[in-house]
Amino acid sequence: MPHDEGAGAAGVDFEQLWLRPTEPRRGRRPSFSREAITAAAVSLADAEGLEAVTMRRVAAQVGAGVMSLYSYAPDKETLLELMVDHVSGELTFTDPPSGEWRADLKSVAHLQRAHMLRHPWLPAALSTRRVPGPNTLAFLERVLSVLRPTGLDGAAKLEVFAQLTAFVAGHVAHEIAQAAVSQFPDRAAAEARYLAGVAADGCHPELAEALSAPGRTLTPEATFTRFLNRLIDGLDTDATHL
């Protein structure tokens, strides 16, 4: 029987998923492709969020019976693996690394941010461990090549990649949440009044000083760039500190 749709990643057969992708797990070969199933699931998630992605909804999208989907996607966790790798195919580069690894890494992060904003479900999907498929591996290979001039060892390079991806995912999740809150200007005004009151109470001098500092450009792009610069410009590549 297929796994429950909420099954954990422990139930995913990664060798079957990535090394033998054309072999159905059981039964007759379906009349539709794994690509079509994955694309339908991505379309649903883009439009309605991950909660909308159920085997029943995806089956309806491709015009198939629910049970027939299990040949290639035996549970929702496997489907999520397919979805993440599917959209990772969009992470492409036209030029080779420049050799200026900090600048190149910042370009990678901006590419990731745009990618996650196109697919707002991605930060949540990436919050649990994913085993990279072919598209994700191609992107990882590029990032590792960007980091070659640092002289970091392989484990440290993988840690930098994980740190960068986690930063972008967390920032995008916050950015999406803030965009939703901005639709309620009364709430933003109430928050501003509250913080002004706190700053004036004499009990929070550090906060009062911080809030009195000159304002900065608060567009999402500018804010992301400032945070990203602090992260990457502060990366320590001294092997003695690792």
Protein backbone atom coordinates (compact mmCIF):
# COMPACT_ATOMS: atom_id res chain seq x y z
CA MET A 1 0.00 0.00 0.00
CA PRO A 2 1.21 3.57 -0.61
CA HIS A 3 2.52 5.54 2.32
CA ASP A 4 0.30 8.05 4.09
CA GLU A 5 0.52 11.54 2.55
CA GLY A 6 2.13 12.83 5.72
CA ALA A 7 4.85 10.16 5.76
CA GLY A 8 8.29 11.34 6.73
CA ALA A 9 11.37 11.49 4.55
CA ALA A 10 12.53 8.16 6.00
CA GLY A 11 10.04 6.47 3.71
CA VAL A 12 11.50 7.92 0.50
CA ASP A 13 13.51 5.49 -1.63
CA PHE A 14 16.15 7.88 -2.97
CA GLU A 15 17.89 5.32 -5.17
CA GLN A 16 14.58 4.54 -6.85
CA LEU A 17 13.72 8.21 -7.05
CA TRP A 18 16.92 9.57 -8.57
CA LEU A 19 18.92 6.65 -9.98
CA ARG A 20 16.09 4.68 -11.60
CA PRO A 21 13.58 7.43 -12.43
CA THR A 22 11.98 5.70 -15.43
CA GLU A 23 11.04 2.57 -13.54
CA PRO A 24 7.55 2.57 -12.01
CA ARG A 25 7.50 1.17 -8.50
CA ARG A 26 4.64 -1.23 -9.10
CA GLY A 27 1.88 -2.21 -11.49
CA ARG A 28 1.31 -1.13 -15.08
CA ARG A 29 3.29 1.71 -16.57
CA PRO A 30 1.07 4.81 -16.29
CA SER A 31 -0.07 6.75 -19.34
CA PHE A 32 1.36 10.01 -18.01
CA SER A 33 4.88 11.00 -17.03
CA ARG A 34 6.53 11.74 -13.73
CA GLU A 35 7.34 15.15 -15.19
CA ALA A 36 3.64 15.86 -15.72
CA ILE A 37 2.81 14.81 -12.16
CA THR A 38 5.54 17.02 -10.73
CA ALA A 39 4.63 20.02 -12.89
CA ALA A 40 1.01 19.72 -11.80
CA ALA A 41 2.02 19.63 -8.14
CA VAL A 42 4.27 22.68 -8.58
CA SER A 43 1.45 24.57 -10.30
CA LEU A 44 -0.87 23.82 -7.39
CA ALA A 45 1.71 24.86 -4.80
CA ASP A 46 2.50 28.09 -6.64
CA ALA A 47 -1.17 29.03 -6.80
CA GLU A 48 -2.48 27.79 -3.46
CA GLY A 49 0.41 26.75 -1.22
CA LEU A 50 1.75 23.38 -0.14
CA GLU A 51 -1.46 22.56 1.72
CA ALA A 52 -3.24 22.32 -1.62
CA VAL A 53 -0.88 19.63 -2.89
CA THR A 54 -2.61 16.32 -2.24
CA MET A 55 -2.46 13.19 -4.32
CA ARG A 56 -6.13 13.64 -5.15
CA ARG A 57 -5.69 17.20 -6.39
CA VAL A 58 -2.61 16.31 -8.43
CA ALA A 59 -4.38 13.31 -9.96
CA ALA A 60 -7.25 15.56 -11.00
CA GLN A 61 -4.77 17.98 -12.59
CA VAL A 62 -3.25 15.28 -14.81
CA GLY A 63 -6.57 13.53 -15.45
CA ALA A 64 -5.71 10.29 -13.70
CA GLY A 65 -6.94 8.14 -10.86
CA VAL A 66 -5.29 8.71 -7.50
CA MET A 67 -3.91 5.19 -7.23
CA SER A 68 -2.15 5.44 -10.58
CA LEU A 69 0.06 8.26 -9.25
CA TYR A 70 1.70 5.97 -6.73
CA SER A 71 3.80 4.30 -9.43
CA TYR A 72 6.12 7.31 -9.40
CA ALA A 73 5.15 9.24 -6.27
CA PRO A 74 4.19 6.79 -3.51
CA ASP A 75 3.65 9.55 -0.94
CA LYS A 76 3.60 13.32 -0.57
CA GLU A 77 7.13 13.40 0.83
CA THR A 78 8.46 11.85 -2.36
CA LEU A 79 6.38 14.28 -4.39
CA LEU A 80 7.96 17.19 -2.49
CA GLU A 81 11.42 15.85 -3.36
CA LEU A 82 10.39 15.81 -7.01
CA MET A 83 8.93 19.32 -6.80
CA VAL A 84 12.02 20.85 -5.22
CA ASP A 85 14.32 19.33 -7.81
CA HIS A 86 11.94 20.22 -10.65
CA VAL A 87 12.02 23.94 -9.87
CA SER A 88 15.76 23.79 -9.19
CA GLY A 89 16.10 23.41 -12.94
CA GLU A 90 15.34 27.14 -13.14
CA LEU A 91 18.56 27.97 -11.27
CA THR A 92 20.79 28.41 -14.28
CA PHE A 93 23.81 30.58 -15.06
CA THR A 94 24.93 32.05 -18.36
CA ASP A 95 28.49 32.93 -17.36
CA PRO A 96 31.25 30.96 -15.63
CA PRO A 97 32.38 32.01 -12.13
CA SER A 98 34.34 35.26 -12.23
CA GLY A 99 36.87 34.21 -9.61
CA GLU A 100 35.63 36.94 -7.25
CA TRP A 101 33.94 34.46 -4.95
CA ARG A 102 32.15 36.93 -2.67
CA ALA A 103 30.55 38.73 -5.64
CA ASP A 104 29.69 35.40 -7.25
CA LEU A 105 28.16 34.08 -4.04
CA LYS A 106 26.03 37.21 -3.71
CA SER A 107 24.79 36.64 -7.27
CA VAL A 108 23.89 33.08 -6.28
CA ALA A 109 21.89 34.37 -3.30
CA HIS A 110 20.00 36.92 -5.40
CA LEU A 111 19.18 34.15 -7.86
CA GLN A 112 17.91 31.98 -5.01
CA ARG A 113 15.77 34.82 -3.63
CA ALA A 114 14.09 35.47 -6.97
CA HIS A 115 13.57 31.72 -7.34
CA MET A 116 11.90 31.38 -3.94
CA LEU A 117 9.71 34.41 -4.52
CA ARG A 118 8.43 32.74 -7.70
CA HIS A 119 7.70 29.63 -5.66
CA PRO A 120 6.66 30.88 -2.20
CA TRP A 121 6.24 27.33 -0.90
CA LEU A 122 9.95 26.59 -1.29
CA PRO A 123 11.20 27.98 2.05
CA ALA A 124 8.83 25.64 3.90
CA ALA A 125 9.70 22.70 1.64
CA LEU A 126 13.41 23.28 2.25
CA SER A 127 12.97 23.42 6.03
CA THR A 128 13.35 19.65 6.22
CA ARG A 129 16.28 17.71 4.81
CA ARG A 130 16.13 17.08 1.08
CA VAL A 131 18.36 14.68 -0.86
CA PRO A 132 19.49 16.51 -4.02
CA GLY A 133 18.24 15.31 -7.37
CA PRO A 134 19.96 16.04 -10.70
CA ASN A 135 18.90 19.70 -11.02
CA THR A 136 19.80 20.48 -7.42
CA LEU A 137 23.14 18.73 -7.85
CA ALA A 138 23.91 20.87 -10.92
CA PHE A 139 23.22 24.00 -8.88
CA LEU A 140 25.32 22.73 -5.98
CA GLU A 141 28.16 21.98 -8.37
CA ARG A 142 28.09 25.61 -9.53
CA VAL A 143 28.15 26.96 -5.98
CA LEU A 144 31.08 24.70 -5.08
CA SER A 145 32.98 25.98 -8.11
CA VAL A 146 32.28 29.55 -6.98
CA LEU A 147 33.83 28.69 -3.60
CA ARG A 148 36.97 27.08 -5.05
CA PRO A 149 39.09 30.28 -4.72
CA THR A 150 38.39 30.38 -0.97
CA GLY A 151 40.62 27.41 -0.29
CA LEU A 152 38.01 25.98 2.08
CA ASP A 153 37.84 22.22 2.38
CA GLY A 154 34.87 20.30 1.00
CA ALA A 155 32.97 20.10 4.27
CA ALA A 156 33.30 23.84 4.86
CA LYS A 157 32.12 24.61 1.32
CA LEU A 158 29.02 22.48 1.88
CA GLU A 159 28.41 24.31 5.16
CA VAL A 160 28.63 27.68 3.41
CA PHE A 161 26.11 26.48 0.83
CA ALA A 162 23.76 25.28 3.58
CA GLN A 163 24.19 28.54 5.51
CA LEU A 164 23.49 30.66 2.44
CA THR A 165 20.41 28.67 1.43
CA ALA A 166 19.05 28.78 4.98
CA PHE A 167 19.59 32.54 5.11
CA VAL A 168 17.80 33.12 1.80
CA ALA A 169 14.92 30.80 2.70
CA GLY A 170 14.45 32.42 6.09
CA HIS A 171 14.62 35.92 4.65
CA VAL A 172 12.15 35.14 1.87
CA ALA A 173 9.72 33.54 4.34
CA HIS A 174 9.90 36.72 6.44
CA GLU A 175 9.57 38.88 3.33
CA ILE A 176 6.41 37.06 2.27
CA ALA A 177 4.96 37.36 5.77
CA GLN A 178 5.74 41.08 5.90
CA ALA A 179 4.11 41.61 2.53
CA ALA A 180 0.95 40.00 3.89
CA VAL A 181 1.01 42.24 6.99
CA SER A 182 1.53 45.36 4.87
CA GLN A 183 -1.96 44.88 3.51
CA PHE A 184 -3.21 46.07 6.90
CA PRO A 185 -1.80 49.62 7.34
CA ASP A 186 -3.61 50.13 10.64
CA ARG A 187 -1.55 47.33 12.18
CA ALA A 188 1.72 48.89 10.96
CA ALA A 189 0.69 52.24 12.44
CA ALA A 190 -0.18 50.58 15.75
CA GLU A 191 3.21 48.85 15.86
CA ALA A 192 4.99 52.15 15.20
CA ARG A 193 3.10 53.88 18.03
CA TYR A 194 3.88 51.02 20.40
CA LEU A 195 7.62 51.07 19.63
CA ALA A 196 7.70 54.87 19.98
CA GLY A 197 6.15 54.49 23.43
CA VAL A 198 8.65 51.82 24.44
CA ALA A 199 11.56 53.95 23.24
CA ALA A 200 10.31 56.90 25.29
CA ASP A 201 9.80 55.03 28.58
CA GLY A 202 13.41 55.38 29.68
CA CYS A 203 13.82 51.66 30.31
CA HIS A 204 15.23 50.74 26.92
CA PRO A 205 18.01 53.23 26.10
CA GLU A 206 19.74 50.96 23.57
CA LEU A 207 16.51 50.46 21.66
CA ALA A 208 15.73 54.17 21.83
CA GLU A 209 19.15 54.97 20.34
CA ALA A 210 18.70 52.36 17.62
CA LEU A 211 15.26 53.68 16.67
CA SER A 212 16.54 57.25 16.50
CA ALA A 213 19.22 56.37 13.94
CA PRO A 214 18.75 57.65 10.39
CA GLY A 215 16.39 55.50 8.37
CA ARG A 216 17.53 53.23 5.58
CA THR A 217 15.94 52.25 2.31
CA LEU A 218 13.38 49.64 3.24
CA THR A 219 12.51 48.14 -0.12
CA PRO A 220 12.65 44.34 0.02
CA GLU A 221 15.56 44.22 -2.43
CA ALA A 222 17.62 46.81 -0.53
CA THR A 223 16.98 45.13 2.81
CA PHE A 224 17.95 41.71 1.45
CA THR A 225 21.12 43.13 -0.09
CA ARG A 226 22.21 44.74 3.20
CA PHE A 227 21.68 41.53 5.15
CA LEU A 228 23.39 39.46 2.47
CA ASN A 229 26.42 41.76 2.37
CA ARG A 230 26.86 41.43 6.13
CA LEU A 231 26.68 37.65 5.86
CA ILE A 232 29.05 37.11 2.95
CA ASP A 233 31.51 39.93 3.67
CA GLY A 234 31.88 38.48 7.16
CA LEU A 235 32.58 34.90 6.08
CA ASP A 236 35.85 33.68 7.54
CA THR A 237 37.87 31.50 5.18
CA ASP A 238 40.87 31.18 7.49
CA ALA A 239 41.34 27.42 7.84
CA THR A 240 42.78 27.86 11.34
CA HIS A 241 39.41 29.15 12.53
CA LEU A 242 37.36 26.26 11.12
